Amino acid sequence: MEAYAKEAVRIASIEHGRKLDYSTDSLEGLESILEALTPASEGDLEWLTKLWGSYFGEVFRRRYTADWTMSEYPGGKFAVPTLEIGGSRIYPLLKVHRRLTLGTSEDLVSFAEMARKRLDAVHPQTN
C-alpha cells in the first residue's frame, strides 16, 4: 500500500500539479484530482482506486498507530485492504471507489474530518 501511495504522490505532482505530503490538509488536493478523473474502464477504475485509495489510507496510517490488513468488508463476501486503528477499521480504497463512481456526495475531506474526530477521541496520534 505504501508503494501505491508513493506513486500517487509522484503522479499528483507530475500529472496534476499537486503536492501531496500525507497531511490531512493535502486531502483537498486529492479531492480536486479525483474530481477531474473519469475512469475509462473497469481496469482503469481498479487502478485509480488502488492508487488514490492507498494514499488516502496512508494519511490515516501515518497519523495514528495503524496497520494495513486484509479484512472482509461488513456485509460483503470479499476481503479488501483495511486500516486497523486500535480496534477501529477504515476502508480507504472502498471510500475512494465510491468517490470515483458516485461523485462529490462521497467527499473525502468531509469523511476524513468525521473519522478524525471519532478516532482522536479514542486513539492518540503518533505525530
Protein backbone atom coordinates (compact mmCIF):
# COMPACT_ATOMS: atom_id res chain seq x y z
CA MET A 1 0.00 0.00 0.00
CA GLU A 2 2.88 2.33 0.76
CA ALA A 3 4.30 1.83 -2.75
CA TYR A 4 0.96 2.72 -4.34
CA ALA A 5 0.76 5.82 -2.13
CA LYS A 6 4.27 6.86 -3.12
CA GLU A 7 3.29 6.50 -6.78
CA ALA A 8 0.18 8.61 -6.11
CA VAL A 9 2.40 11.39 -4.73
CA ARG A 10 4.57 11.23 -7.85
CA ILE A 11 1.61 11.23 -10.26
CA ALA A 12 -0.11 14.04 -8.36
CA SER A 13 2.94 16.22 -8.85
CA ILE A 14 3.77 15.35 -12.46
CA GLU A 15 0.31 14.94 -13.98
CA HIS A 16 -1.88 17.16 -11.79
CA GLY A 17 0.48 19.83 -10.44
CA ARG A 18 -0.50 18.96 -6.84
CA LYS A 19 1.78 18.36 -3.88
CA LEU A 20 0.58 15.52 -1.68
CA ASP A 21 2.50 15.27 1.60
CA TYR A 22 0.40 12.80 3.65
CA SER A 23 -1.06 15.61 5.74
CA THR A 24 -4.78 15.99 6.29
CA ASP A 25 -4.52 19.34 4.51
CA SER A 26 -3.38 17.50 1.36
CA LEU A 27 -6.78 15.82 1.09
CA GLU A 28 -8.14 18.97 -0.58
CA GLY A 29 -5.62 18.36 -3.37
CA LEU A 30 -6.57 14.70 -3.57
CA GLU A 31 -10.23 15.66 -3.79
CA SER A 32 -9.54 18.02 -6.70
CA ILE A 33 -7.59 15.29 -8.52
CA LEU A 34 -10.46 12.83 -8.10
CA GLU A 35 -12.94 15.45 -9.27
CA ALA A 36 -11.05 15.69 -12.57
CA LEU A 37 -10.83 11.93 -13.18
CA THR A 38 -13.22 9.86 -15.24
CA PRO A 39 -12.27 6.17 -15.27
CA ALA A 40 -12.45 4.88 -18.85
CA SER A 41 -12.83 1.21 -17.97
CA GLU A 42 -13.25 -1.21 -15.07
CA GLY A 43 -9.49 -1.82 -15.14
CA ASP A 44 -8.86 1.90 -15.03
CA LEU A 45 -11.25 2.24 -12.08
CA GLU A 46 -9.43 -0.56 -10.24
CA TRP A 47 -6.03 1.11 -10.78
CA LEU A 48 -7.28 4.55 -9.73
CA THR A 49 -8.92 3.05 -6.65
CA LYS A 50 -5.67 1.34 -5.58
CA LEU A 51 -3.53 4.37 -6.35
CA TRP A 52 -5.57 7.11 -4.68
CA GLY A 53 -7.14 4.86 -2.02
CA SER A 54 -3.69 3.85 -0.83
CA TYR A 55 -2.70 7.50 -0.50
CA PHE A 56 -5.93 8.29 1.36
CA GLY A 57 -5.25 5.40 3.74
CA GLU A 58 -1.64 6.40 4.28
CA VAL A 59 -2.80 9.80 5.55
CA PHE A 60 -4.61 7.95 8.35
CA ARG A 61 -1.91 5.30 8.87
CA ARG A 62 0.75 7.95 9.39
CA ARG A 63 -1.45 9.97 11.76
CA TYR A 64 -2.37 7.04 14.04
CA THR A 65 -0.77 3.81 15.15
CA ALA A 66 -2.27 1.76 12.34
CA ASP A 67 -1.56 -1.25 10.19
CA TRP A 68 -2.80 -2.32 6.79
CA THR A 69 -4.59 -5.66 6.85
CA MET A 70 -6.89 -7.60 4.57
CA SER A 71 -10.31 -7.98 6.08
CA GLU A 72 -13.81 -8.83 4.96
CA TYR A 73 -15.96 -5.81 4.32
CA PRO A 74 -19.05 -5.87 6.58
CA GLY A 75 -21.95 -7.44 4.77
CA GLY A 76 -19.71 -8.41 1.88
CA LYS A 77 -18.15 -11.64 0.81
CA PHE A 78 -14.80 -10.18 -0.17
CA ALA A 79 -11.60 -9.07 1.55
CA VAL A 80 -10.20 -5.59 1.00
CA PRO A 81 -7.19 -3.61 2.24
CA THR A 82 -8.22 -2.16 5.57
CA LEU A 83 -6.60 0.07 8.16
CA GLU A 84 -6.80 -1.28 11.69
CA ILE A 85 -6.59 1.62 14.14
CA GLY A 86 -6.80 0.37 17.73
CA GLY A 87 -9.77 -1.87 17.03
CA SER A 88 -11.45 0.52 14.58
CA ARG A 89 -11.45 -0.19 10.85
CA ILE A 90 -11.30 2.18 7.91
CA TYR A 91 -11.73 1.06 4.30
CA PRO A 92 -9.93 3.81 2.34
CA LEU A 93 -9.94 2.05 -1.04
CA LEU A 94 -13.68 1.47 -0.87
CA LYS A 95 -14.22 5.12 0.05
CA VAL A 96 -12.17 6.27 -2.95
CA HIS A 97 -14.01 3.81 -5.20
CA ARG A 98 -17.30 5.33 -4.04
CA ARG A 99 -15.90 8.84 -4.64
CA LEU A 100 -14.89 7.91 -8.18
CA THR A 101 -18.21 6.24 -9.01
CA LEU A 102 -20.74 8.29 -7.03
CA GLY A 103 -19.14 11.73 -7.20
CA THR A 104 -18.94 14.61 -4.74
CA SER A 105 -21.56 13.17 -2.38
CA GLU A 106 -18.69 10.91 -1.23
CA ASP A 107 -16.37 13.82 -0.41
CA LEU A 108 -13.12 12.59 1.13
CA VAL A 109 -12.36 15.77 3.09
CA SER A 110 -15.66 15.62 4.99
CA PHE A 111 -15.28 11.90 5.60
CA ALA A 112 -11.72 12.34 6.88
CA GLU A 113 -12.78 15.12 9.24
CA MET A 114 -15.59 13.00 10.67
CA ALA A 115 -13.29 9.98 11.03
CA ARG A 116 -10.52 12.08 12.66
CA LYS A 117 -12.93 13.45 15.26
CA ARG A 118 -14.05 9.95 16.19
CA LEU A 119 -10.56 8.48 16.15
CA ASP A 120 -8.96 11.38 18.04
CA ALA A 121 -11.47 10.86 20.84
CA VAL A 122 -10.32 7.28 21.45
CA HIS A 123 -6.92 6.82 19.81
CA PRO A 124 -3.84 9.01 20.33
CA GLN A 125 -2.00 10.44 17.36
CA THR A 126 1.56 9.28 16.71
CA ASN A 127 2.68 12.58 15.17
